[in-house]
Amino acid sequence: MKSLYSGVGRWLEQREPIALATIVETRGSAPQVAGASALFSRKGLVGGTLGGGLVEVDAQKRAYRCLRQGRSLYYQFELKGGDLTAEEAICGGSVSILIDASPLNHLRTFKLLKKSLLSRQAGVLVSKIIEVSPQGSSISRRWLEDKAAAKSVADKDFRSIEKEIRDARRGRKPRLIKSKDRGRQEILFFLEPLFPLPQLVIAGAGHIGQAVAHLGSLLDFAVTVIDDRAEFASRERLPEADAIIVGDIAKAMADFPIASDTYIVIVTRGHRQDAEVLRACIRSPADYIGMIGSRRKLFLTRQKFIDEGWATGPQFDRVHGPIGLAIGSTTVAEIAISIAAELVLVRSRAEKATKVSQK
């Protein structure tokens, strides 16, 4: 799931007061999972979601009140209504929600978090909640990057939950830890392990590349688009891309830090350029390489690569082509959907294989 925290800084820079609401615990059936977050301004929802419905409506009202009073809040929302005709939640469970009325106080933490994820470093966001009462709560946050976790966890604020932090990181799931201080005041620690998203690298910012970038962002990929035409590779055309590279596409692909969780979509404006980009990445460890074109184009390209010694037969056979699932697509939107569906399929298989290997 794409972390909302990476974008908090951008909202805060607009100098409009916002409140950050996060589900920290669920019991029974609930519309969202722990870790789901939403940003609220005085005008309403501006980003993320708590699952919609009455949970989100109620959270928006409380967030507005928190902004007006300048106080954060931790509370529980019951979803155990039994009347289908009434205005009440009937999922059958309950959720605990934390509303941070002053995320600006934690801007440095959110910036460190964003920097880590962009540099492909995982970690755990620790939110310490004290003064748990209807009158308000106090929140402090710390980002513990993996490579510094051993030193950071030794800090006195986290010494008591060192094991829980490791367990949350290992289990890759948020955890709510309940404790008490020496004065028997309740203290909560919400632990959120966060990981870099799989990288989607799109070679070509034409109509198909633009559509795939949009879908890739919705599907929780970190999207990079490469093109040698500045008028195509622009923020105006690609507002949801995490990174845009303008320059020689094949060179940029060769220079890109491709890892096993990299997914490459080759949709440049010409067959020759497609082949040049493919040559730059075909020997990489990328989980997915797909190239647009007909079966004949793929056949001729395969023969060329083997004859020139640019790739072996097995290496070329890793290339998905014609790109996308066979759904009978003809329009730009349909082609983009077929590509996005194939990306999800390959990612799902890779994640399943990783879980099996970790058992």
Protein backbone atom coordinates (compact mmCIF):
# COMPACT_ATOMS: atom_id res chain seq x y z
CA MET A 1 0.00 0.00 0.00
CA LYS A 2 1.30 3.42 -0.97
CA SER A 3 2.16 5.40 2.15
CA LEU A 4 0.30 8.68 2.56
CA TYR A 5 3.10 9.93 4.81
CA SER A 6 5.42 10.56 1.87
CA GLY A 7 3.04 13.25 0.63
CA VAL A 8 2.31 14.93 3.96
CA GLY A 9 5.10 17.44 3.45
CA ARG A 10 3.60 18.60 0.16
CA TRP A 11 0.27 19.33 1.83
CA LEU A 12 1.89 21.10 4.75
CA GLU A 13 3.84 23.34 2.40
CA GLN A 14 0.53 24.75 1.16
CA ARG A 15 0.19 26.31 4.61
CA GLU A 16 -3.37 25.08 4.98
CA PRO A 17 -4.05 23.45 8.37
CA ILE A 18 -4.57 19.72 7.99
CA ALA A 19 -5.24 16.81 10.31
CA LEU A 20 -3.83 13.34 9.75
CA ALA A 21 -6.17 10.47 10.69
CA THR A 22 -4.86 6.90 10.92
CA ILE A 23 -6.55 3.61 11.77
CA VAL A 24 -4.28 2.10 14.40
CA GLU A 25 -6.27 -1.01 15.32
CA THR A 26 -9.21 -3.03 14.02
CA ARG A 27 -11.34 -5.67 15.71
CA GLY A 28 -13.72 -7.85 13.74
CA SER A 29 -14.90 -6.74 10.33
CA ALA A 30 -13.83 -3.23 9.33
CA PRO A 31 -13.80 -1.17 6.11
CA GLN A 32 -10.02 -0.68 6.17
CA VAL A 33 -6.88 -2.13 7.72
CA ALA A 34 -4.58 -0.75 10.39
CA GLY A 35 -2.27 1.80 8.82
CA ALA A 36 -4.90 3.26 6.48
CA SER A 37 -4.66 7.06 6.67
CA ALA A 38 -6.48 10.15 5.45
CA LEU A 39 -5.76 13.87 5.43
CA PHE A 40 -8.50 16.34 6.31
CA SER A 41 -8.54 20.10 5.96
CA ARG A 42 -11.30 22.36 7.22
CA LYS A 43 -12.89 21.90 3.81
CA GLY A 44 -12.97 18.10 3.99
CA LEU A 45 -10.98 15.10 2.75
CA VAL A 46 -7.88 16.06 0.76
CA GLY A 47 -6.04 12.73 0.47
CA GLY A 48 -6.10 9.05 1.39
CA THR A 49 -9.04 7.16 2.84
CA LEU A 50 -10.23 5.42 6.00
CA GLY A 51 -12.55 3.24 3.94
CA GLY A 52 -15.30 5.75 3.25
CA GLY A 53 -18.77 5.46 4.70
CA LEU A 54 -19.73 6.50 8.21
CA VAL A 55 -16.25 5.83 9.60
CA GLU A 56 -14.79 8.49 7.34
CA VAL A 57 -17.70 10.90 7.77
CA ASP A 58 -17.33 10.68 11.55
CA ALA A 59 -13.54 11.05 11.33
CA GLN A 60 -13.93 14.16 9.17
CA LYS A 61 -16.17 15.80 11.78
CA ARG A 62 -13.74 14.95 14.57
CA ALA A 63 -10.78 16.12 12.48
CA TYR A 64 -12.46 19.48 11.94
CA ARG A 65 -13.03 19.78 15.68
CA CYS A 66 -9.40 18.81 16.38
CA LEU A 67 -8.18 21.49 13.96
CA ARG A 68 -10.40 24.10 15.58
CA GLN A 69 -9.27 23.19 19.11
CA GLY A 70 -5.66 22.42 18.22
CA ARG A 71 -5.79 19.06 20.03
CA SER A 72 -5.09 15.56 18.76
CA LEU A 73 -7.43 12.67 19.55
CA TYR A 74 -7.43 8.89 19.95
CA TYR A 75 -10.85 7.23 19.91
CA GLN A 76 -12.79 4.09 19.02
CA PHE A 77 -15.58 3.82 16.47
CA GLU A 78 -18.08 0.96 16.70
CA LEU A 79 -19.44 -0.72 13.56
CA LYS A 80 -21.92 -3.04 15.28
CA GLY A 81 -25.24 -1.62 14.15
CA GLY A 82 -27.95 -4.11 13.21
CA ASP A 83 -30.48 -2.00 11.33
CA LEU A 84 -30.00 -2.05 7.57
CA THR A 85 -32.35 0.92 7.15
CA ALA A 86 -30.65 3.11 9.75
CA GLU A 87 -27.72 5.49 9.35
CA GLU A 88 -25.27 3.30 11.24
CA ALA A 89 -22.26 1.13 10.43
CA ILE A 90 -23.05 -2.58 10.40
CA CYS A 91 -19.71 -4.24 9.58
CA GLY A 92 -19.75 -5.86 13.00
CA GLY A 93 -16.38 -4.77 14.33
CA SER A 94 -14.71 -1.62 15.60
CA VAL A 95 -11.72 0.57 14.74
CA SER A 96 -9.38 2.71 16.80
CA ILE A 97 -8.39 5.95 15.10
CA LEU A 98 -5.67 8.48 15.84
CA ILE A 99 -6.20 12.05 14.63
CA ASP A 100 -3.04 14.14 14.60
CA ALA A 101 -4.11 17.79 14.71
CA SER A 102 -0.56 19.08 14.23
CA PRO A 103 1.35 16.94 11.70
CA LEU A 104 3.55 19.99 11.07
CA ASN A 105 5.23 19.16 14.39
CA HIS A 106 6.48 15.94 12.79
CA LEU A 107 7.50 17.35 9.42
CA ARG A 108 11.16 16.41 9.92
CA THR A 109 10.14 12.80 10.64
CA PHE A 110 7.97 12.64 7.52
CA LYS A 111 10.80 14.09 5.40
CA LEU A 112 13.24 11.50 6.72
CA LEU A 113 10.69 8.77 6.00
CA LYS A 114 10.21 9.99 2.43
CA LYS A 115 13.95 10.24 1.85
CA SER A 116 14.46 6.67 3.05
CA LEU A 117 11.73 5.21 0.85
CA LEU A 118 12.99 7.10 -2.20
CA SER A 119 16.45 5.67 -1.57
CA ARG A 120 14.90 2.16 -1.28
CA GLN A 121 15.36 1.89 2.49
CA ALA A 122 12.66 0.32 4.67
CA GLY A 123 11.96 1.20 8.29
CA VAL A 124 9.40 1.52 11.05
CA LEU A 125 7.42 4.64 11.91
CA VAL A 126 6.84 4.72 15.68
CA SER A 127 4.03 6.95 16.94
CA LYS A 128 3.92 7.40 20.71
CA ILE A 129 0.51 8.41 22.05
CA ILE A 130 0.06 9.68 25.62
CA GLU A 131 -2.77 11.36 27.49
CA VAL A 132 -5.27 8.95 25.95
CA SER A 133 -8.58 10.57 26.88
CA PRO A 134 -11.66 12.16 25.27
CA GLN A 135 -10.11 15.56 26.06
CA GLY A 136 -7.18 14.96 23.75
CA SER A 137 -3.91 13.12 23.21
CA SER A 138 -0.25 14.01 22.78
CA ILE A 139 1.70 12.49 19.88
CA SER A 140 5.40 12.11 19.18
CA ARG A 141 6.81 10.28 16.15
CA ARG A 142 10.13 8.72 15.21
CA TRP A 143 11.26 7.15 11.93
CA LEU A 144 13.58 4.20 12.48
CA GLU A 145 15.31 3.34 9.21
CA ASP A 146 16.41 -0.28 8.96
CA LYS A 147 20.13 0.42 8.74
CA ALA A 148 19.99 2.62 11.85
CA ALA A 149 17.37 0.69 13.78
CA ALA A 150 19.79 -1.08 16.07
CA LYS A 151 21.12 2.22 17.38
CA SER A 152 17.75 4.02 17.42
CA VAL A 153 15.87 1.28 19.23
CA ALA A 154 18.42 1.56 22.03
CA ASP A 155 17.04 5.04 22.80
CA LYS A 156 15.29 5.11 26.16
CA ASP A 157 11.92 6.00 24.60
CA PHE A 158 11.89 2.72 22.69
CA ARG A 159 13.93 0.37 24.83
CA SER A 160 10.81 -1.21 26.31
CA ILE A 161 9.38 -2.08 22.90
CA GLU A 162 12.55 -3.12 21.09
CA LYS A 163 11.27 -6.66 20.51
CA GLU A 164 7.89 -5.42 19.28
CA ILE A 165 9.58 -3.12 16.76
CA ARG A 166 11.61 -6.03 15.39
CA ASP A 167 8.51 -8.24 15.26
CA ALA A 168 6.50 -5.60 13.40
CA ARG A 169 9.33 -5.18 10.87
CA ARG A 170 9.67 -8.92 10.41
CA GLY A 171 5.92 -9.49 10.12
CA ARG A 172 5.49 -6.49 7.79
CA LYS A 173 2.28 -5.53 9.60
CA PRO A 174 1.37 -2.55 11.85
CA ARG A 175 1.02 -3.21 15.58
CA LEU A 176 -0.52 -1.27 18.45
CA ILE A 177 1.32 -1.73 21.75
CA LYS A 178 -0.43 -0.71 24.99
CA SER A 179 1.62 0.20 28.01
CA LYS A 180 1.68 2.38 31.14
CA ASP A 181 4.28 4.79 32.46
CA ARG A 182 5.48 4.92 36.07
CA GLY A 183 2.51 7.07 36.99
CA ARG A 184 0.24 4.36 35.58
CA GLN A 185 -0.79 6.65 32.74
CA GLU A 186 -1.71 4.76 29.58
CA ILE A 187 0.77 4.99 26.71
CA LEU A 188 0.27 3.59 23.23
CA PHE A 189 2.90 2.85 20.60
CA PHE A 190 1.73 2.43 17.02
CA LEU A 191 4.36 0.65 14.94
CA GLU A 192 4.11 0.90 11.15
CA PRO A 193 6.67 -0.98 9.05
CA LEU A 194 7.00 0.81 5.70
CA PHE A 195 8.75 -0.51 2.62
CA PRO A 196 9.79 0.95 -0.73
CA LEU A 197 7.18 0.27 -3.39
CA PRO A 198 8.04 -1.89 -6.39
CA GLN A 199 9.52 0.34 -9.10
CA LEU A 200 7.68 0.76 -12.39
CA VAL A 201 9.95 2.23 -15.06
CA ILE A 202 8.15 3.33 -18.21
CA ALA A 203 10.32 3.94 -21.27
CA GLY A 204 8.28 6.34 -23.36
CA ALA A 205 5.95 9.15 -22.31
CA GLY A 206 3.53 8.93 -25.22
CA HIS A 207 -0.18 8.25 -24.83
CA ILE A 208 0.29 4.65 -23.66
CA GLY A 209 3.13 5.53 -21.29
CA GLN A 210 1.05 8.34 -19.83
CA ALA A 211 -1.92 6.02 -19.23
CA VAL A 212 0.26 3.29 -17.71
CA ALA A 213 1.87 5.85 -15.38
CA HIS A 214 -1.58 6.83 -14.10
CA LEU A 215 -2.63 3.21 -13.52
CA GLY A 216 0.73 2.28 -12.02
CA SER A 217 0.38 5.00 -9.39
CA LEU A 218 -3.13 3.78 -8.52
CA LEU A 219 -1.77 0.24 -8.21
CA ASP A 220 0.91 1.18 -5.68
CA PHE A 221 4.03 1.29 -7.83
CA ALA A 222 6.74 3.92 -7.53
CA VAL A 223 6.51 5.27 -11.07
CA THR A 224 9.44 6.60 -13.12
CA VAL A 225 8.87 7.78 -16.69
CA ILE A 226 11.73 8.29 -19.16
CA ASP A 227 11.58 10.14 -22.47
CA ASP A 228 13.87 12.30 -24.57
CA ARG A 229 11.11 14.80 -25.35
CA ALA A 230 10.66 17.41 -22.63
CA GLU A 231 7.21 18.34 -23.91
CA PHE A 232 6.06 14.76 -23.29
CA ALA A 233 8.02 14.02 -20.11
CA SER A 234 6.51 16.89 -18.14
CA ARG A 235 4.86 17.21 -14.76
CA GLU A 236 1.73 18.57 -16.45
CA ARG A 237 1.27 15.36 -18.46
CA LEU A 238 2.50 13.03 -15.73
CA PRO A 239 1.24 14.47 -12.43
CA GLU A 240 1.24 11.09 -10.65
CA ALA A 241 4.75 10.01 -11.62
CA ASP A 242 7.18 9.85 -8.70
CA ALA A 243 10.10 10.70 -10.98
CA ILE A 244 10.48 11.98 -14.54
CA ILE A 245 13.73 11.64 -16.48
CA VAL A 246 14.31 13.66 -19.65
CA GLY A 247 17.18 12.41 -21.78
CA ASP A 248 18.40 9.57 -23.96
CA ILE A 249 16.06 6.73 -23.01
CA ALA A 250 18.45 3.82 -23.51
CA LYS A 251 21.23 5.53 -21.55
CA ALA A 252 18.85 6.49 -18.75
CA MET A 253 17.66 2.88 -18.58
CA ALA A 254 21.24 1.60 -18.47
CA ASP A 255 21.99 4.02 -15.61
CA PHE A 256 18.84 3.20 -13.65
CA PRO A 257 19.36 1.14 -10.44
CA ILE A 258 17.34 -1.89 -11.55
CA ALA A 259 16.57 -4.39 -8.80
CA SER A 260 14.49 -7.56 -8.59
CA ASP A 261 11.41 -5.51 -7.69
CA THR A 262 11.72 -3.35 -10.82
CA TYR A 263 9.06 -3.60 -13.53
CA ILE A 264 9.99 -2.23 -16.95
CA VAL A 265 7.50 -1.21 -19.64
CA ILE A 266 8.99 -0.33 -23.04
CA VAL A 267 6.62 1.81 -25.11
CA THR A 268 8.80 4.29 -26.99
CA ARG A 269 7.81 5.89 -30.29
CA GLY A 270 9.75 3.51 -32.56
CA HIS A 271 10.89 -0.10 -33.01
CA ARG A 272 14.58 0.84 -33.13
CA GLN A 273 14.37 2.81 -29.89
CA ASP A 274 12.43 -0.02 -28.24
CA ALA A 275 15.26 -2.41 -29.12
CA GLU A 276 17.91 -0.03 -27.79
CA VAL A 277 16.10 0.28 -24.48
CA LEU A 278 15.57 -3.47 -24.28
CA ARG A 279 19.27 -4.06 -24.89
CA ALA A 280 20.04 -1.77 -21.93
CA CYS A 281 17.96 -3.81 -19.48
CA ILE A 282 17.53 -7.35 -20.81
CA ARG A 283 20.31 -8.77 -18.62
CA SER A 284 19.03 -6.99 -15.50
CA PRO A 285 17.40 -8.73 -12.51
CA ALA A 286 14.06 -6.97 -13.13
CA ASP A 287 11.01 -9.06 -12.23
CA TYR A 288 9.23 -7.84 -15.36
CA ILE A 289 10.29 -6.56 -18.77
CA GLY A 290 7.56 -5.93 -21.32
CA MET A 291 7.88 -4.48 -24.81
CA ILE A 292 5.10 -3.26 -27.05
CA GLY A 293 4.81 -4.70 -30.57
CA SER A 294 3.43 -7.52 -32.68
CA ARG A 295 4.47 -11.15 -32.50
CA ARG A 296 6.45 -10.69 -35.70
CA LYS A 297 8.32 -7.74 -34.19
CA LEU A 298 9.17 -9.82 -31.13
CA PHE A 299 10.30 -12.74 -33.31
CA LEU A 300 12.63 -10.58 -35.41
CA THR A 301 13.97 -8.75 -32.35
CA ARG A 302 14.67 -12.02 -30.59
CA GLN A 303 16.60 -13.33 -33.56
CA LYS A 304 18.63 -10.10 -33.78
CA PHE A 305 19.52 -10.15 -30.09
CA ILE A 306 20.68 -13.79 -30.21
CA ASP A 307 22.62 -13.34 -33.47
CA GLU A 308 24.42 -10.26 -32.09
CA GLY A 309 25.13 -11.92 -28.76
CA TRP A 310 23.14 -9.31 -26.85
CA ALA A 311 21.08 -11.98 -25.08
CA THR A 312 20.65 -15.72 -24.88
CA GLY A 313 17.39 -17.41 -25.84
CA PRO A 314 16.34 -17.91 -22.18
CA GLN A 315 17.17 -14.29 -21.38
CA PHE A 316 15.02 -12.99 -24.21
CA ASP A 317 12.19 -15.37 -23.35
CA ARG A 318 11.77 -13.44 -20.09
CA VAL A 319 10.46 -10.51 -22.12
CA HIS A 320 6.68 -10.18 -22.08
CA GLY A 321 5.52 -9.58 -25.61
CA PRO A 322 3.23 -8.70 -27.07
CA ILE A 323 2.98 -6.73 -23.85
CA GLY A 324 -0.09 -7.02 -21.64
CA LEU A 325 -2.73 -9.66 -21.00
CA ALA A 326 -4.75 -10.78 -24.00
CA ILE A 327 -8.04 -8.96 -23.40
CA GLY A 328 -8.66 -7.93 -26.99
CA SER A 329 -7.42 -4.39 -26.37
CA THR A 330 -7.30 -1.89 -29.24
CA THR A 331 -7.57 1.61 -27.74
CA VAL A 332 -4.88 3.37 -25.71
CA ALA A 333 -6.88 2.95 -22.50
CA GLU A 334 -7.50 -0.76 -23.16
CA ILE A 335 -3.82 -1.39 -23.95
CA ALA A 336 -2.80 0.40 -20.75
CA ILE A 337 -5.27 -1.68 -18.74
CA SER A 338 -3.93 -4.91 -20.25
CA ILE A 339 -0.37 -3.88 -19.34
CA ALA A 340 -1.38 -2.88 -15.80
CA ALA A 341 -3.19 -6.19 -15.30
CA GLU A 342 -0.09 -8.10 -16.36
CA LEU A 343 2.04 -6.06 -13.96
CA VAL A 344 -0.30 -6.93 -11.08
CA LEU A 345 -0.29 -10.61 -12.04
CA VAL A 346 3.52 -10.81 -12.13
CA ARG A 347 3.85 -8.81 -8.89
CA SER A 348 1.35 -11.08 -7.14
CA ARG A 349 3.27 -14.17 -8.18
CA ALA A 350 6.56 -12.63 -7.05
CA GLU A 351 5.11 -11.69 -3.65
CA LYS A 352 3.67 -15.16 -3.19
CA ALA A 353 7.02 -16.75 -4.04
CA THR A 354 8.76 -14.47 -1.52
CA LYS A 355 6.34 -15.45 1.25
CA VAL A 356 6.85 -19.14 0.52
CA SER A 357 10.65 -18.76 0.59
CA GLN A 358 10.48 -16.97 3.97
CA LYS A 359 8.55 -19.78 5.66
